[in-house]
PDB file of N, CA and C in Angstrom:
ATOM      1  N   MET A   1       0.946  -1.224   0.131  1.00  0.00           N
ATOM      2  CA  MET A   1       0.195   0.029   0.030  1.00  0.00           C
ATOM      3  C   MET A   1       0.953   1.207   0.052  1.00  0.00           C
ATOM      4  N   GLN A   2       0.389   2.194  -0.773  1.00  0.00           N
ATOM      5  CA  GLN A   2       1.337   3.357  -0.764  1.00  0.00           C
ATOM      6  C   GLN A   2       1.059   4.244   0.210  1.00  0.00           C
ATOM      7  N   PRO A   3       2.150   5.119   0.794  1.00  0.00           N
ATOM      8  CA  PRO A   3       1.709   6.280   1.617  1.00  0.00           C
ATOM      9  C   PRO A   3       0.833   7.262   1.310  1.00  0.00           C
ATOM     10  N   SER A   4       0.510   7.512   0.169  1.00  0.00           N
ATOM     11  CA  SER A   4      -0.624   8.397  -0.370  1.00  0.00           C
ATOM     12  C   SER A   4      -1.829   7.772  -0.161  1.00  0.00           C
ATOM     13  N   SER A   5      -1.933   6.469  -0.319  1.00  0.00           N
ATOM     14  CA  SER A   5      -3.262   5.663  -0.169  1.00  0.00           C
ATOM     15  C   SER A   5      -3.559   5.892   1.292  1.00  0.00           C
ATOM     16  N   ILE A   6      -2.440   5.547   2.058  1.00  0.00           N
ATOM     17  CA  ILE A   6      -2.985   5.472   3.617  1.00  0.00           C
ATOM     18  C   ILE A   6      -3.354   6.807   3.964  1.00  0.00           C
ATOM     19  N   TYR A   7      -2.963   8.033   3.453  1.00  0.00           N
ATOM     20  CA  TYR A   7      -3.063   9.144   3.980  1.00  0.00           C
ATOM     21  C   TYR A   7      -4.680   9.531   3.534  1.00  0.00           C
ATOM     22  N   ARG A   8      -4.986   9.147   2.012  1.00  0.00           N
ATOM     23  CA  ARG A   8      -6.359   9.257   1.813  1.00  0.00           C
ATOM     24  C   ARG A   8      -7.473   8.433   2.583  1.00  0.00           C
ATOM     25  N   ILE A   9      -7.161   7.406   2.919  1.00  0.00           N
ATOM     26  CA  ILE A   9      -7.987   6.706   3.499  1.00  0.00           C
ATOM     27  C   ILE A   9      -8.139   7.304   4.976  1.00  0.00           C
ATOM     28  N   LEU A  10      -7.074   7.722   5.681  1.00  0.00           N
ATOM     29  CA  LEU A  10      -7.195   8.197   7.008  1.00  0.00           C
ATOM     30  C   LEU A  10      -7.944   9.626   6.645  1.00  0.00           C
ATOM     31  N   GLN A  11      -7.800  10.426   5.834  1.00  0.00           N
ATOM     32  CA  GLN A  11      -8.457  11.549   5.800  1.00  0.00           C
ATOM     33  C   GLN A  11     -10.020  11.434   5.518  1.00  0.00           C
ATOM     34  N   LYS A  12     -10.193  10.337   4.739  1.00  0.00           N
ATOM     35  CA  LYS A  12     -11.629  10.055   4.531  1.00  0.00           C
ATOM     36  C   LYS A  12     -12.389   9.684   5.814  1.00  0.00           C
ATOM     37  N   ARG A  13     -11.715   8.733   6.612  1.00  0.00           N
ATOM     38  CA  ARG A  13     -12.278   8.288   7.829  1.00  0.00           C
ATOM     39  C   ARG A  13     -12.344   9.466   8.848  1.00  0.00           C
ATOM     40  N   ALA A  14     -11.160  10.256   8.944  1.00  0.00           N
ATOM     41  CA  ALA A  14     -11.396  11.145  10.051  1.00  0.00           C
ATOM     42  C   ALA A  14     -12.227  12.234   9.547  1.00  0.00           C
ATOM     43  N   GLY A  15     -12.792  12.355   8.410  1.00  0.00           N
ATOM     44  CA  GLY A  15     -13.799  13.391   7.941  1.00  0.00           C
ATOM     45  C   GLY A  15     -15.168  12.739   8.411  1.00  0.00           C
ATOM     46  N   LEU A  16     -15.391  11.624   8.011  1.00  0.00           N
ATOM     47  CA  LEU A  16     -16.692  10.838   8.503  1.00  0.00           C
ATOM     48  C   LEU A  16     -16.690  10.728   9.966  1.00  0.00           C
ATOM     49  N   ALA A  17     -15.686  10.804  10.710  1.00  0.00           N
ATOM     50  CA  ALA A  17     -15.863  10.864  12.235  1.00  0.00           C
ATOM     51  C   ALA A  17     -15.756  12.421  12.799  1.00  0.00           C
ATOM     52  N   GLU A  18     -15.660  13.324  12.011  1.00  0.00           N
ATOM     53  CA  GLU A  18     -15.681  14.712  12.252  1.00  0.00           C
ATOM     54  C   GLU A  18     -14.410  15.013  13.413  1.00  0.00           C
ATOM     55  N   LEU A  19     -13.248  14.341  13.001  1.00  0.00           N
ATOM     56  CA  LEU A  19     -12.123  14.520  13.719  1.00  0.00           C
ATOM     57  C   LEU A  19     -11.220  15.724  13.429  1.00  0.00           C
ATOM     58  N   GLY A  20     -11.498  16.343  12.233  1.00  0.00           N
ATOM     59  CA  GLY A  20     -10.616  17.424  11.797  1.00  0.00           C
ATOM     60  C   GLY A  20      -9.339  16.892  11.098  1.00  0.00           C
ATOM     61  N   LYS A  21      -8.343  17.478  11.139  1.00  0.00           N
ATOM     62  CA  LYS A  21      -7.079  17.079  10.344  1.00  0.00           C
ATOM     63  C   LYS A  21      -6.477  15.958  11.108  1.00  0.00           C
ATOM     64  N   VAL A  22      -6.100  14.850  10.703  1.00  0.00           N
ATOM     65  CA  VAL A  22      -5.382  13.748  11.267  1.00  0.00           C
ATOM     66  C   VAL A  22      -4.397  13.507  10.273  1.00  0.00           C
ATOM     67  N   ARG A  23      -3.310  13.360  10.783  1.00  0.00           N
ATOM     68  CA  ARG A  23      -1.909  12.861  10.059  1.00  0.00           C
ATOM     69  C   ARG A  23      -1.613  11.436  10.314  1.00  0.00           C
ATOM     70  N   PRO A  24      -1.058  10.706   9.361  1.00  0.00           N
ATOM     71  CA  PRO A  24      -0.748   9.339   9.830  1.00  0.00           C
ATOM     72  C   PRO A  24       0.259   8.903  10.941  1.00  0.00           C
ATOM     73  N   HIS A  25       1.105   9.992  11.330  1.00  0.00           N
ATOM     74  CA  HIS A  25       1.738   9.867  12.382  1.00  0.00           C
ATOM     75  C   HIS A  25       1.054   9.821  13.548  1.00  0.00           C
ATOM     76  N   ASP A  26      -0.152  10.404  13.801  1.00  0.00           N
ATOM     77  CA  ASP A  26      -1.093  10.561  14.826  1.00  0.00           C
ATOM     78  C   ASP A  26      -1.269   9.183  15.314  1.00  0.00           C
ATOM     79  N   LEU A  27      -1.428   8.402  14.294  1.00  0.00           N
ATOM     80  CA  LEU A  27      -1.648   6.893  14.665  1.00  0.00           C
ATOM     81  C   LEU A  27      -0.588   6.174  15.591  1.00  0.00           C
ATOM     82  N   ARG A  28       0.690   6.649  15.132  1.00  0.00           N
ATOM     83  CA  ARG A  28       1.810   6.131  15.850  1.00  0.00           C
ATOM     84  C   ARG A  28       1.740   6.591  17.477  1.00  0.00           C
ATOM     85  N   ARG A  29       1.336   7.749  17.578  1.00  0.00           N
ATOM     86  CA  ARG A  29       1.479   8.501  18.705  1.00  0.00           C
ATOM     87  C   ARG A  29       0.210   7.900  19.654  1.00  0.00           C
ATOM     88  N   THR A  30      -0.852   7.745  19.021  1.00  0.00           N
ATOM     89  CA  THR A  30      -2.008   7.078  19.697  1.00  0.00           C
ATOM     90  C   THR A  30      -1.711   5.762  20.214  1.00  0.00           C
ATOM     91  N   PHE A  31      -1.154   4.928  19.176  1.00  0.00           N
ATOM     92  CA  PHE A  31      -0.653   3.518  19.633  1.00  0.00           C
ATOM     93  C   PHE A  31       0.244   3.429  20.764  1.00  0.00           C
ATOM     94  N   ALA A  32       1.370   4.311  20.861  1.00  0.00           N
ATOM     95  CA  ALA A  32       2.265   4.313  21.871  1.00  0.00           C
ATOM     96  C   ALA A  32       1.469   4.825  23.251  1.00  0.00           C
ATOM     97  N   THR A  33       0.773   5.815  23.307  1.00  0.00           N
ATOM     98  CA  THR A  33      -0.014   6.245  24.415  1.00  0.00           C
ATOM     99  C   THR A  33      -0.956   5.164  24.947  1.00  0.00           C
ATOM    100  N   ARG A  34      -1.792   4.632  23.976  1.00  0.00           N
ATOM    101  CA  ARG A  34      -2.698   3.675  24.491  1.00  0.00           C
ATOM    102  C   ARG A  34      -1.808   2.135  25.139  1.00  0.00           C
ATOM    103  N   MET A  35      -0.797   2.026  24.599  1.00  0.00           N
ATOM    104  CA  MET A  35       0.118   0.881  25.055  1.00  0.00           C
ATOM    105  C   MET A  35       0.549   1.185  26.453  1.00  0.00           C
ATOM    106  N   LEU A  36       0.979   2.545  26.599  1.00  0.00           N
ATOM    107  CA  LEU A  36       1.551   2.751  28.039  1.00  0.00           C
ATOM    108  C   LEU A  36       0.225   2.924  29.050  1.00  0.00           C
ATOM    109  N   GLU A  37      -0.838   3.246  28.552  1.00  0.00           N
ATOM    110  CA  GLU A  37      -2.111   3.407  29.483  1.00  0.00           C
ATOM    111  C   GLU A  37      -2.310   2.294  29.899  1.00  0.00           C
ATOM    112  N   GLN A  38      -2.214   1.012  29.115  1.00  0.00           N
ATOM    113  CA  GLN A  38      -2.301  -0.284  29.462  1.00  0.00           C
ATOM    114  C   GLN A  38      -1.324  -1.017  30.322  1.00  0.00           C
ATOM    115  N   GLY A  39      -0.205  -0.334  30.560  1.00  0.00           N
ATOM    116  CA  GLY A  39       0.644  -0.756  31.382  1.00  0.00           C
ATOM    117  C   GLY A  39       2.234  -1.576  30.700  1.00  0.00           C
ATOM    118  N   CYS A  40       2.097  -1.181  29.481  1.00  0.00           N
ATOM    119  CA  CYS A  40       3.156  -1.687  28.580  1.00  0.00           C
ATOM    120  C   CYS A  40       4.463  -0.949  29.244  1.00  0.00           C
ATOM    121  N   ASP A  41       5.445  -1.803  29.089  1.00  0.00           N
ATOM    122  CA  ASP A  41       6.819  -1.371  29.649  1.00  0.00           C
ATOM    123  C   ASP A  41       7.420  -0.597  28.398  1.00  0.00           C
ATOM    124  N   LEU A  42       7.951   0.511  28.862  1.00  0.00           N
ATOM    125  CA  LEU A  42       8.591   1.496  27.827  1.00  0.00           C
ATOM    126  C   LEU A  42       9.697   0.828  27.010  1.00  0.00           C
ATOM    127  N   PHE A  43      10.475  -0.203  27.418  1.00  0.00           N
ATOM    128  CA  PHE A  43      11.379  -0.817  26.564  1.00  0.00           C
ATOM    129  C   PHE A  43      10.774  -1.809  25.723  1.00  0.00           C
ATOM    130  N   ILE A  44       9.629  -2.217  26.033  1.00  0.00           N
ATOM    131  CA  ILE A  44       8.989  -3.288  25.059  1.00  0.00           C
ATOM    132  C   ILE A  44       8.379  -2.370  23.915  1.00  0.00           C
ATOM    133  N   LEU A  45       7.797  -1.349  24.385  1.00  0.00           N
ATOM    134  CA  LEU A  45       7.269  -0.310  23.455  1.00  0.00           C
ATOM    135  C   LEU A  45       8.206   0.083  22.424  1.00  0.00           C
ATOM    136  N   GLN A  46       9.396   0.526  23.097  1.00  0.00           N
ATOM    137  CA  GLN A  46      10.531   0.889  22.034  1.00  0.00           C
ATOM    138  C   GLN A  46      10.515  -0.019  20.862  1.00  0.00           C
ATOM    139  N   ARG A  47      10.932  -1.238  21.206  1.00  0.00           N
ATOM    140  CA  ARG A  47      11.102  -2.325  20.386  1.00  0.00           C
ATOM    141  C   ARG A  47      10.030  -2.557  19.364  1.00  0.00           C
ATOM    142  N   ALA A  48       8.723  -2.356  19.813  1.00  0.00           N
ATOM    143  CA  ALA A  48       7.451  -2.512  18.898  1.00  0.00           C
ATOM    144  C   ALA A  48       7.586  -1.314  17.942  1.00  0.00           C
ATOM    145  N   MET A  49       7.928  -0.136  18.160  1.00  0.00           N
ATOM    146  CA  MET A  49       7.919   0.927  17.358  1.00  0.00           C
ATOM    147  C   MET A  49       9.228   1.208  16.667  1.00  0.00           C
ATOM    148  N   GLY A  50      10.327   0.294  16.671  1.00  0.00           N
ATOM    149  CA  GLY A  50      11.307   0.115  15.852  1.00  0.00           C
ATOM    150  C   GLY A  50      12.408   1.491  16.464  1.00  0.00           C
ATOM    151  N   HIS A  51      12.389   1.908  17.575  1.00  0.00           N
ATOM    152  CA  HIS A  51      13.141   2.936  17.929  1.00  0.00           C
ATOM    153  C   HIS A  51      14.556   2.587  18.474  1.00  0.00           C
ATOM    154  N   THR A  52      15.590   3.104  18.284  1.00  0.00           N
ATOM    155  CA  THR A  52      16.986   2.824  18.735  1.00  0.00           C
ATOM    156  C   THR A  52      17.198   3.262  20.155  1.00  0.00           C
ATOM    157  N   SER A  53      16.330   4.403  20.348  1.00  0.00           N
ATOM    158  CA  SER A  53      16.435   5.060  21.663  1.00  0.00           C
ATOM    159  C   SER A  53      15.251   5.003  22.285  1.00  0.00           C
ATOM    160  N   VAL A  54      15.134   4.804  23.602  1.00  0.00           N
ATOM    161  CA  VAL A  54      14.152   4.991  24.543  1.00  0.00           C
ATOM    162  C   VAL A  54      13.509   6.307  24.748  1.00  0.00           C
ATOM    163  N   ALA A  55      14.610   7.201  24.556  1.00  0.00           N
ATOM    164  CA  ALA A  55      14.273   8.687  24.761  1.00  0.00           C
ATOM    165  C   ALA A  55      13.182   9.014  23.555  1.00  0.00           C
ATOM    166  N   THR A  56      13.575   8.621  22.377  1.00  0.00           N
ATOM    167  CA  THR A  56      12.730   8.704  21.021  1.00  0.00           C
ATOM    168  C   THR A  56      11.153   8.274  21.583  1.00  0.00           C
ATOM    169  N   THR A  57      11.195   6.894  22.111  1.00  0.00           N
ATOM    170  CA  THR A  57       9.703   6.455  22.438  1.00  0.00           C
ATOM    171  C   THR A  57       9.160   7.190  23.350  1.00  0.00           C
ATOM    172  N   SER A  58       9.834   7.798  24.441  1.00  0.00           N
ATOM    173  CA  SER A  58       9.242   8.469  25.606  1.00  0.00           C
ATOM    174  C   SER A  58       8.399   9.702  24.968  1.00  0.00           C
ATOM    175  N   ARG A  59       8.871  10.236  23.987  1.00  0.00           N
ATOM    176  CA  ARG A  59       8.405  11.472  23.280  1.00  0.00           C
ATOM    177  C   ARG A  59       6.893  11.290  22.748  1.00  0.00           C
ATOM    178  N   TYR A  60       6.559   9.927  22.647  1.00  0.00           N
ATOM    179  CA  TYR A  60       5.249   9.564  22.159  1.00  0.00           C
ATOM    180  C   TYR A  60       4.233   9.398  23.291  1.00  0.00           C
ATOM    181  N   ASP A  61       4.836   9.493  24.632  1.00  0.00           N
ATOM    182  CA  ASP A  61       3.863   9.517  25.655  1.00  0.00           C
ATOM    183  C   ASP A  61       2.998  10.755  25.677  1.00  0.00           C
ATOM    184  N   TYR A  62       1.780  10.707  25.429  1.00  0.00           N
ATOM    185  CA  TYR A  62       0.810  11.767  25.653  1.00  0.00           C
ATOM    186  C   TYR A  62      -0.173  11.597  26.995  1.00  0.00           C
ATOM    187  N   ARG A  63       0.235  10.584  27.657  1.00  0.00           N
ATOM    188  CA  ARG A  63      -0.702  10.366  28.726  1.00  0.00           C
ATOM    189  C   ARG A  63      -0.871  11.925  29.527  1.00  0.00           C
ATOM    190  N   GLY A  64      -2.200  12.234  30.012  1.00  0.00           N
ATOM    191  CA  GLY A  64      -2.276  13.330  30.813  1.00  0.00           C
ATOM    192  C   GLY A  64      -2.243  13.040  32.211  1.00  0.00           C
ATOM    193  N   GLU A  65      -2.128  14.208  32.945  1.00  0.00           N
ATOM    194  CA  GLU A  65      -2.015  14.421  34.431  1.00  0.00           C
ATOM    195  C   GLU A  65      -3.067  13.226  35.198  1.00  0.00           C
ATOM    196  N   THR A  66      -4.285  13.122  34.653  1.00  0.00           N
ATOM    197  CA  THR A  66      -5.130  12.155  35.277  1.00  0.00           C
ATOM    198  C   THR A  66      -4.334  10.622  35.376  1.00  0.00           C
ATOM    199  N   SER A  67      -3.654  10.281  34.312  1.00  0.00           N
ATOM    200  CA  SER A  67      -2.939   8.948  34.260  1.00  0.00           C
ATOM    201  C   SER A  67      -1.893   9.062  35.348  1.00  0.00           C
ATOM    202  N   ARG A  68      -1.204  10.029  35.487  1.00  0.00           N
ATOM    203  CA  ARG A  68      -0.106  10.042  36.785  1.00  0.00           C
ATOM    204  C   ARG A  68      -0.888   9.978  38.046  1.00  0.00           C
ATOM    205  N   GLU A  69      -1.790  10.833  38.205  1.00  0.00           N
ATOM    206  CA  GLU A  69      -2.633  10.643  39.604  1.00  0.00           C
ATOM    207  C   GLU A  69      -3.122   9.153  39.779  1.00  0.00           C
ATOM    208  N   GLU A  70      -3.635   8.608  38.762  1.00  0.00           N
ATOM    209  CA  GLU A  70      -4.129   7.116  39.059  1.00  0.00           C
ATOM    210  C   GLU A  70      -3.178   6.307  39.350  1.00  0.00           C
ATOM    211  N   VAL A  71      -2.159   6.383  38.950  1.00  0.00           N
ATOM    212  CA  VAL A  71      -0.763   5.410  39.156  1.00  0.00           C
ATOM    213  C   VAL A  71      -0.617   5.648  40.647  1.00  0.00           C
ATOM    214  N   CYS A  72      -0.364   6.974  41.029  1.00  0.00           N
ATOM    215  CA  CYS A  72       0.050   7.453  42.171  1.00  0.00           C
ATOM    216  C   CYS A  72      -1.004   6.996  43.438  1.00  0.00           C
ATOM    217  N   LYS A  73      -2.209   7.003  43.152  1.00  0.00           N
ATOM    218  CA  LYS A  73      -3.211   6.277  43.851  1.00  0.00           C
ATOM    219  C   LYS A  73      -2.788   4.725  44.484  1.00  0.00           C
ATOM    220  N   HIS A  74      -2.167   3.820  43.635  1.00  0.00           N
ATOM    221  CA  HIS A  74      -2.050   2.763  43.807  1.00  0.00           C
ATOM    222  C   HIS A  74      -0.655   2.340  44.493  1.00  0.00           C
ATOM    223  N   LEU A  75       0.152   3.393  44.680  1.00  0.00           N
ATOM    224  CA  LEU A  75       1.397   3.082  45.385  1.00  0.00           C
ATOM    225  C   LEU A  75       1.235   2.889  46.758  1.00  0.00           C
ATOM    226  N   ASP A  76       2.041   1.765  47.186  1.00  0.00           N
ATOM    227  CA  ASP A  76       2.091   1.449  48.466  1.00  0.00           C
ATOM    228  C   ASP A  76       3.163   1.888  49.208  1.00  0.00           C
ATOM    229  N   VAL A  77       3.194   3.203  49.563  1.00  0.00           N
ATOM    230  CA  VAL A  77       4.338   4.053  50.326  1.00  0.00           C
ATOM    231  C   VAL A  77       4.549   3.588  51.686  1.00  0.00           C
ATOM    232  N   PHE A  78       3.561   3.244  52.193  1.00  0.00           N
ATOM    233  CA  PHE A  78       3.668   2.858  53.885  1.00  0.00           C
ATOM    234  C   PHE A  78       3.380   1.394  54.007  1.00  0.00           C
ATOM    235  N   LEU A  79       4.526   0.643  53.662  1.00  0.00           N
ATOM    236  CA  LEU A  79       4.582  -0.950  53.914  1.00  0.00           C
ATOM    237  C   LEU A  79       4.375  -1.227  55.418  1.00  0.00           C
TER     238      LEU A  79
END
């Protein structure tokens, strides 16, 4: 499949869903963020995305403040 075909399909579907402008790279960011939200290890995600550096992978983390707060709620700091 050609990159231009992927772009056209994405634009058509985004238009139908009334999402506004969506770029193919947005799919990679969404994939990475959803994997991290589900508890995926950053180093496993790094390999899945084909990055040589974990720093590159960490830039794909678009989890919000709510996600951090939720994780902190479950910390058992007083053992």
